[in-house]
Structure formats: structure tokens, C-alpha cells
PDB file of all heavy atoms in Angstrom:
ATOM      1  N   VAL A   1      14.238  10.304 -19.568  1.00  0.00           N
ATOM      2  CA  VAL A   1      15.122  11.178 -20.257  1.00  0.00           C
ATOM      3  C   VAL A   1      14.576  12.432 -20.755  1.00  0.00           C
ATOM      4  O   VAL A   1      15.169  13.454 -21.148  1.00  0.00           O
ATOM      5  CB  VAL A   1      15.762  10.351 -21.455  1.00  0.00           C
ATOM      6  CG1 VAL A   1      14.763  10.301 -22.695  1.00  0.00           C
ATOM      7  CG2 VAL A   1      17.156  11.038 -21.977  1.00  0.00           C
ATOM      8  N   GLY A   2      13.176  12.564 -20.666  1.00  0.00           N
ATOM      9  CA  GLY A   2      12.507  13.751 -21.116  1.00  0.00           C
ATOM     10  C   GLY A   2      12.928  14.942 -20.249  1.00  0.00           C
ATOM     11  O   GLY A   2      12.921  16.109 -20.676  1.00  0.00           O
ATOM     12  N   ALA A   3      13.262  14.673 -18.942  1.00  0.00           N
ATOM     13  CA  ALA A   3      13.735  15.691 -18.006  1.00  0.00           C
ATOM     14  C   ALA A   3      15.241  15.951 -18.151  1.00  0.00           C
ATOM     15  O   ALA A   3      15.862  16.693 -17.322  1.00  0.00           O
ATOM     16  CB  ALA A   3      13.381  15.369 -16.613  1.00  0.00           C
ATOM     17  N   GLY A   4      15.892  15.354 -19.154  1.00  0.00           N
ATOM     18  CA  GLY A   4      17.363  15.457 -19.334  1.00  0.00           C
ATOM     19  C   GLY A   4      18.099  14.179 -19.109  1.00  0.00           C
ATOM     20  O   GLY A   4      17.774  13.394 -18.305  1.00  0.00           O
ATOM     21  N   ALA A   5      19.191  14.091 -19.818  1.00  0.00           N
ATOM     22  CA  ALA A   5      20.056  12.893 -19.635  1.00  0.00           C
ATOM     23  C   ALA A   5      20.615  12.647 -18.233  1.00  0.00           C
ATOM     24  O   ALA A   5      20.666  11.552 -17.704  1.00  0.00           O
ATOM     25  CB  ALA A   5      21.231  12.981 -20.644  1.00  0.00           C
ATOM     26  N   ALA A   6      20.887  13.788 -17.556  1.00  0.00           N
ATOM     27  CA  ALA A   6      21.421  13.742 -16.209  1.00  0.00           C
ATOM     28  C   ALA A   6      20.373  13.096 -15.237  1.00  0.00           C
ATOM     29  O   ALA A   6      20.693  12.245 -14.445  1.00  0.00           O
ATOM     30  CB  ALA A   6      21.987  15.032 -15.717  1.00  0.00           C
ATOM     31  N   HIS A   7      19.137  13.710 -15.396  1.00  0.00           N
ATOM     32  CA  HIS A   7      18.083  13.112 -14.582  1.00  0.00           C
ATOM     33  C   HIS A   7      17.855  11.631 -14.812  1.00  0.00           C
ATOM     34  O   HIS A   7      17.653  10.869 -13.951  1.00  0.00           O
ATOM     35  CB  HIS A   7      16.800  14.005 -14.869  1.00  0.00           C
ATOM     36  CG  HIS A   7      15.575  13.471 -14.130  1.00  0.00           C
ATOM     37  ND1 HIS A   7      15.408  13.560 -12.810  1.00  0.00           N
ATOM     38  CD2 HIS A   7      14.512  12.695 -14.699  1.00  0.00           C
ATOM     39  CE1 HIS A   7      14.257  12.994 -12.525  1.00  0.00           C
ATOM     40  NE2 HIS A   7      13.689  12.470 -13.621  1.00  0.00           N
ATOM     41  N   ALA A   8      17.839  11.268 -16.115  1.00  0.00           N
ATOM     42  CA  ALA A   8      17.588   9.847 -16.442  1.00  0.00           C
ATOM     43  C   ALA A   8      18.712   9.020 -15.892  1.00  0.00           C
ATOM     44  O   ALA A   8      18.379   7.884 -15.342  1.00  0.00           O
ATOM     45  CB  ALA A   8      17.549   9.696 -17.949  1.00  0.00           C
ATOM     46  N   LEU A   9      19.928   9.472 -15.967  1.00  0.00           N
ATOM     47  CA  LEU A   9      21.082   8.641 -15.395  1.00  0.00           C
ATOM     48  C   LEU A   9      20.809   8.476 -13.819  1.00  0.00           C
ATOM     49  O   LEU A   9      21.041   7.388 -13.309  1.00  0.00           O
ATOM     50  CB  LEU A   9      22.297   9.411 -15.637  1.00  0.00           C
ATOM     51  CG  LEU A   9      23.647   8.663 -15.018  1.00  0.00           C
ATOM     52  CD1 LEU A   9      23.879   7.337 -15.670  1.00  0.00           C
ATOM     53  CD2 LEU A   9      24.831   9.617 -15.131  1.00  0.00           C
ATOM     54  N   LEU A  10      20.377   9.491 -13.183  1.00  0.00           N
ATOM     55  CA  LEU A  10      20.264   9.517 -11.708  1.00  0.00           C
ATOM     56  C   LEU A  10      19.150   8.525 -11.379  1.00  0.00           C
ATOM     57  O   LEU A  10      19.240   7.756 -10.401  1.00  0.00           O
ATOM     58  CB  LEU A  10      19.906  10.881 -11.110  1.00  0.00           C
ATOM     59  CG  LEU A  10      21.080  11.877 -11.195  1.00  0.00           C
ATOM     60  CD1 LEU A  10      20.662  13.264 -10.707  1.00  0.00           C
ATOM     61  CD2 LEU A  10      22.196  11.388 -10.372  1.00  0.00           C
ATOM     62  N   VAL A  11      18.027   8.557 -12.026  1.00  0.00           N
ATOM     63  CA  VAL A  11      16.992   7.630 -11.760  1.00  0.00           C
ATOM     64  C   VAL A  11      17.364   6.102 -12.108  1.00  0.00           C
ATOM     65  O   VAL A  11      17.093   5.277 -11.258  1.00  0.00           O
ATOM     66  CB  VAL A  11      15.718   7.984 -12.731  1.00  0.00           C
ATOM     67  CG1 VAL A  11      14.677   6.915 -12.453  1.00  0.00           C
ATOM     68  CG2 VAL A  11      15.144   9.329 -12.245  1.00  0.00           C
ATOM     69  N   SER A  12      18.053   5.954 -13.084  1.00  0.00           N
ATOM     70  CA  SER A  12      18.578   4.606 -13.496  1.00  0.00           C
ATOM     71  C   SER A  12      19.583   4.086 -12.389  1.00  0.00           C
ATOM     72  O   SER A  12      19.486   2.964 -12.199  1.00  0.00           O
ATOM     73  CB  SER A  12      19.141   4.622 -14.881  1.00  0.00           C
ATOM     74  OG  SER A  12      18.194   5.009 -15.833  1.00  0.00           O
ATOM     75  N   LEU A  13      20.390   4.991 -11.950  1.00  0.00           N
ATOM     76  CA  LEU A  13      21.431   4.639 -10.947  1.00  0.00           C
ATOM     77  C   LEU A  13      20.720   4.158  -9.728  1.00  0.00           C
ATOM     78  O   LEU A  13      21.132   3.320  -8.983  1.00  0.00           O
ATOM     79  CB  LEU A  13      22.353   5.736 -10.678  1.00  0.00           C
ATOM     80  CG  LEU A  13      23.452   6.030 -11.633  1.00  0.00           C
ATOM     81  CD1 LEU A  13      24.245   7.313 -11.354  1.00  0.00           C
ATOM     82  CD2 LEU A  13      24.405   4.803 -11.724  1.00  0.00           C
ATOM     83  N   GLY A  14      19.550   4.806  -9.409  1.00  0.00           N
ATOM     84  CA  GLY A  14      18.791   4.416  -8.230  1.00  0.00           C
ATOM     85  C   GLY A  14      18.227   2.954  -8.341  1.00  0.00           C
ATOM     86  O   GLY A  14      18.232   2.231  -7.389  1.00  0.00           O
ATOM     87  N   VAL A  15      17.773   2.672  -9.490  1.00  0.00           N
ATOM     88  CA  VAL A  15      17.242   1.342  -9.788  1.00  0.00           C
ATOM     89  C   VAL A  15      18.455   0.283  -9.630  1.00  0.00           C
ATOM     90  O   VAL A  15      18.255  -0.697  -9.005  1.00  0.00           O
ATOM     91  CB  VAL A  15      16.640   1.273 -11.208  1.00  0.00           C
ATOM     92  CG1 VAL A  15      16.237  -0.199 -11.537  1.00  0.00           C
ATOM     93  CG2 VAL A  15      15.317   2.090 -11.265  1.00  0.00           C
ATOM     94  N   VAL A  16      19.524   0.664 -10.276  1.00  0.00           N
ATOM     95  CA  VAL A  16      20.650  -0.267 -10.183  1.00  0.00           C
ATOM     96  C   VAL A  16      21.161  -0.352  -8.721  1.00  0.00           C
ATOM     97  O   VAL A  16      21.416  -1.548  -8.261  1.00  0.00           O
ATOM     98  CB  VAL A  16      21.774   0.230 -11.099  1.00  0.00           C
ATOM     99  CG1 VAL A  16      23.121  -0.569 -10.794  1.00  0.00           C
ATOM    100  CG2 VAL A  16      21.449   0.119 -12.501  1.00  0.00           C
ATOM    101  N   GLY A  17      21.266   0.575  -8.005  1.00  0.00           N
ATOM    102  CA  GLY A  17      21.559   0.675  -6.596  1.00  0.00           C
ATOM    103  C   GLY A  17      20.660  -0.216  -5.741  1.00  0.00           C
ATOM    104  O   GLY A  17      21.215  -1.089  -4.896  1.00  0.00           O
ATOM    105  N   ALA A  18      19.416  -0.176  -6.043  1.00  0.00           N
ATOM    106  CA  ALA A  18      18.418  -0.965  -5.216  1.00  0.00           C
ATOM    107  C   ALA A  18      18.666  -2.436  -5.635  1.00  0.00           C
ATOM    108  O   ALA A  18      18.622  -3.363  -4.623  1.00  0.00           O
ATOM    109  CB  ALA A  18      17.033  -0.609  -5.576  1.00  0.00           C
ATOM    110  N   ALA A  19      18.959  -2.824  -6.807  1.00  0.00           N
ATOM    111  CA  ALA A  19      19.227  -4.188  -7.228  1.00  0.00           C
ATOM    112  C   ALA A  19      20.482  -4.732  -6.532  1.00  0.00           C
ATOM    113  O   ALA A  19      20.553  -5.810  -6.072  1.00  0.00           O
ATOM    114  CB  ALA A  19      19.220  -4.273  -8.654  1.00  0.00           C
ATOM    115  N   VAL A  20      21.594  -3.896  -6.505  1.00  0.00           N
ATOM    116  CA  VAL A  20      22.854  -4.339  -5.963  1.00  0.00           C
ATOM    117  C   VAL A  20      22.592  -4.543  -4.416  1.00  0.00           C
ATOM    118  O   VAL A  20      23.207  -5.491  -3.865  1.00  0.00           O
ATOM    119  CB  VAL A  20      23.848  -3.393  -6.275  1.00  0.00           C
ATOM    120  CG1 VAL A  20      25.188  -3.808  -5.542  1.00  0.00           C
ATOM    121  CG2 VAL A  20      24.196  -3.344  -7.738  1.00  0.00           C
ATOM    122  N   ALA A  21      21.855  -3.652  -3.823  1.00  0.00           N
ATOM    123  CA  ALA A  21      21.588  -3.772  -2.389  1.00  0.00           C
ATOM    124  C   ALA A  21      20.797  -5.117  -2.052  1.00  0.00           C
ATOM    125  O   ALA A  21      21.084  -5.883  -1.053  1.00  0.00           O
ATOM    126  CB  ALA A  21      20.710  -2.623  -1.829  1.00  0.00           C
ATOM    127  N   LEU A  22      19.871  -5.482  -2.897  1.00  0.00           N
ATOM    128  CA  LEU A  22      19.202  -6.768  -2.776  1.00  0.00           C
ATOM    129  C   LEU A  22      20.178  -7.940  -2.859  1.00  0.00           C
ATOM    130  O   LEU A  22      20.079  -8.859  -2.158  1.00  0.00           O
ATOM    131  CB  LEU A  22      18.150  -6.807  -3.939  1.00  0.00           C
ATOM    132  CG  LEU A  22      17.476  -8.270  -3.935  1.00  0.00           C
ATOM    133  CD1 LEU A  22      16.669  -8.664  -2.614  1.00  0.00           C
ATOM    134  CD2 LEU A  22      16.449  -8.287  -5.065  1.00  0.00           C
ATOM    135  N   CYS A  23      21.154  -7.855  -3.783  1.00  0.00           N
ATOM    136  CA  CYS A  23      22.151  -8.828  -3.974  1.00  0.00           C
ATOM    137  C   CYS A  23      22.997  -8.965  -2.612  1.00  0.00           C
ATOM    138  O   CYS A  23      23.440 -10.106  -2.239  1.00  0.00           O
ATOM    139  CB  CYS A  23      23.058  -8.568  -5.135  1.00  0.00           C
ATOM    140  SG  CYS A  23      22.303  -8.617  -6.726  1.00  0.00           S
ATOM    141  N   LEU A  24      23.228  -7.918  -2.037  1.00  0.00           N
ATOM    142  CA  LEU A  24      23.980  -7.979  -0.826  1.00  0.00           C
ATOM    143  C   LEU A  24      23.281  -8.764   0.297  1.00  0.00           C
ATOM    144  O   LEU A  24      23.850  -9.468   1.118  1.00  0.00           O
ATOM    145  CB  LEU A  24      24.204  -6.570  -0.227  1.00  0.00           C
ATOM    146  CG  LEU A  24      25.393  -5.808  -0.806  1.00  0.00           C
ATOM    147  CD1 LEU A  24      25.438  -4.335  -0.250  1.00  0.00           C
ATOM    148  CD2 LEU A  24      26.776  -6.515  -0.311  1.00  0.00           C
ATOM    149  N   CYS A  25      21.962  -8.702   0.331  1.00  0.00           N
ATOM    150  CA  CYS A  25      21.134  -9.460   1.286  1.00  0.00           C
ATOM    151  C   CYS A  25      21.213 -10.962   0.906  1.00  0.00           C
ATOM    152  O   CYS A  25      21.252 -11.820   1.773  1.00  0.00           O
ATOM    153  CB  CYS A  25      19.716  -9.084   1.246  1.00  0.00           C
ATOM    154  SG  CYS A  25      19.450  -7.377   1.725  1.00  0.00           S
ATOM    155  N   LEU A  26      21.382 -11.332  -0.403  1.00  0.00           N
ATOM    156  CA  LEU A  26      21.515 -12.666  -0.749  1.00  0.00           C
ATOM    157  C   LEU A  26      22.806 -13.339  -0.543  1.00  0.00           C
ATOM    158  O   LEU A  26      22.934 -14.558  -0.465  1.00  0.00           O
ATOM    159  CB  LEU A  26      21.100 -12.849  -2.292  1.00  0.00           C
ATOM    160  CG  LEU A  26      19.618 -12.445  -2.633  1.00  0.00           C
ATOM    161  CD1 LEU A  26      19.476 -12.442  -4.160  1.00  0.00           C
ATOM    162  CD2 LEU A  26      18.639 -13.497  -2.095  1.00  0.00           C
ATOM    163  N   VAL A  27      23.786 -12.579  -0.418  1.00  0.00           N
ATOM    164  CA  VAL A  27      25.221 -13.096  -0.189  1.00  0.00           C
ATOM    165  C   VAL A  27      25.274 -13.890   1.042  1.00  0.00           C
ATOM    166  O   VAL A  27      25.936 -14.877   1.054  1.00  0.00           O
ATOM    167  CB  VAL A  27      26.186 -11.903  -0.085  1.00  0.00           C
ATOM    168  CG1 VAL A  27      27.604 -12.486   0.316  1.00  0.00           C
ATOM    169  CG2 VAL A  27      26.400 -11.347  -1.559  1.00  0.00           C
ATOM    170  N   ARG A  28      24.543 -13.576   2.074  1.00  0.00           N
ATOM    171  CA  ARG A  28      24.632 -14.367   3.271  1.00  0.00           C
ATOM    172  C   ARG A  28      24.143 -15.761   3.126  1.00  0.00           C
ATOM    173  O   ARG A  28      24.410 -16.624   4.001  1.00  0.00           O
ATOM    174  CB  ARG A  28      23.707 -13.651   4.306  1.00  0.00           C
ATOM    175  CG  ARG A  28      24.316 -12.295   4.762  1.00  0.00           C
ATOM    176  CD  ARG A  28      23.374 -11.647   5.831  1.00  0.00           C
ATOM    177  NE  ARG A  28      23.466 -12.491   7.079  1.00  0.00           N
ATOM    178  CZ  ARG A  28      22.871 -12.232   8.141  1.00  0.00           C
ATOM    179  NH1 ARG A  28      21.958 -11.141   8.256  1.00  0.00           N
ATOM    180  NH2 ARG A  28      22.923 -12.965   9.117  1.00  0.00           N
ATOM    181  N   LEU A  29      23.360 -16.043   2.102  1.00  0.00           N
ATOM    182  CA  LEU A  29      22.845 -17.375   1.898  1.00  0.00           C
ATOM    183  C   LEU A  29      23.836 -18.277   0.997  1.00  0.00           C
ATOM    184  O   LEU A  29      23.509 -19.416   0.845  1.00  0.00           O
ATOM    185  CB  LEU A  29      21.387 -17.290   1.116  1.00  0.00           C
ATOM    186  CG  LEU A  29      20.366 -16.523   1.908  1.00  0.00           C
ATOM    187  CD1 LEU A  29      19.071 -16.434   1.106  1.00  0.00           C
ATOM    188  CD2 LEU A  29      20.068 -17.139   3.231  1.00  0.00           C
ATOM    189  N   LEU A  30      24.800 -17.538   0.458  1.00  0.00           N
ATOM    190  CA  LEU A  30      25.825 -18.401  -0.333  1.00  0.00           C
ATOM    191  C   LEU A  30      26.670 -19.241   0.517  1.00  0.00           C
ATOM    192  O   LEU A  30      26.841 -19.027   1.649  1.00  0.00           O
ATOM    193  CB  LEU A  30      26.667 -17.422  -1.237  1.00  0.00           C
ATOM    194  CG  LEU A  30      25.911 -16.575  -2.195  1.00  0.00           C
ATOM    195  CD1 LEU A  30      27.016 -15.699  -2.914  1.00  0.00           C
ATOM    196  CD2 LEU A  30      25.176 -17.323  -3.231  1.00  0.00           C
ATOM    197  N   PRO A  31      27.230 -20.387  -0.097  1.00  0.00           N
ATOM    198  CA  PRO A  31      28.216 -21.069   0.578  1.00  0.00           C
ATOM    199  C   PRO A  31      29.369 -20.118   1.080  1.00  0.00           C
ATOM    200  O   PRO A  31      29.677 -19.171   0.423  1.00  0.00           O
ATOM    201  CB  PRO A  31      28.875 -22.075  -0.473  1.00  0.00           C
ATOM    202  CG  PRO A  31      27.628 -22.141  -1.409  1.00  0.00           C
ATOM    203  CD  PRO A  31      26.986 -20.893  -1.359  1.00  0.00           C
ATOM    204  N   ARG A  32      30.086 -20.489   2.056  1.00  0.00           N
ATOM    205  CA  ARG A  32      31.083 -19.557   2.715  1.00  0.00           C
ATOM    206  C   ARG A  32      32.277 -19.496   1.819  1.00  0.00           C
ATOM    207  O   ARG A  32      32.993 -18.507   1.799  1.00  0.00           O
ATOM    208  CB  ARG A  32      31.510 -20.117   4.082  1.00  0.00           C
ATOM    209  CG  ARG A  32      30.382 -19.974   5.136  1.00  0.00           C
ATOM    210  CD  ARG A  32      30.810 -20.360   6.573  1.00  0.00           C
ATOM    211  NE  ARG A  32      29.727 -20.101   7.479  1.00  0.00           N
ATOM    212  CZ  ARG A  32      29.512 -19.012   8.106  1.00  0.00           C
ATOM    213  NH1 ARG A  32      30.254 -17.877   7.816  1.00  0.00           N
ATOM    214  NH2 ARG A  32      28.555 -18.894   8.962  1.00  0.00           N
TER     215      ARG A  32
END
């Protein structure tokens, strides 16, 4: 956030996006 709230939001969204992408890989292992 030192670089601004918008920058902090963008960095955090990148982290969240990576986590959700990992979840997409795990979906294939779930029961159908």
C-alpha cells in the first residue's frame, strides 16, 4: 500500500487469482 491503494489492490488481486487458478487444477480430482 506504500505505492498507493490501487497498486496494493492489483498486487493482492494477483495473489487471489493465483490461488483460484490452483483451485481449478484441484477440481479435476473431485467426485464428478
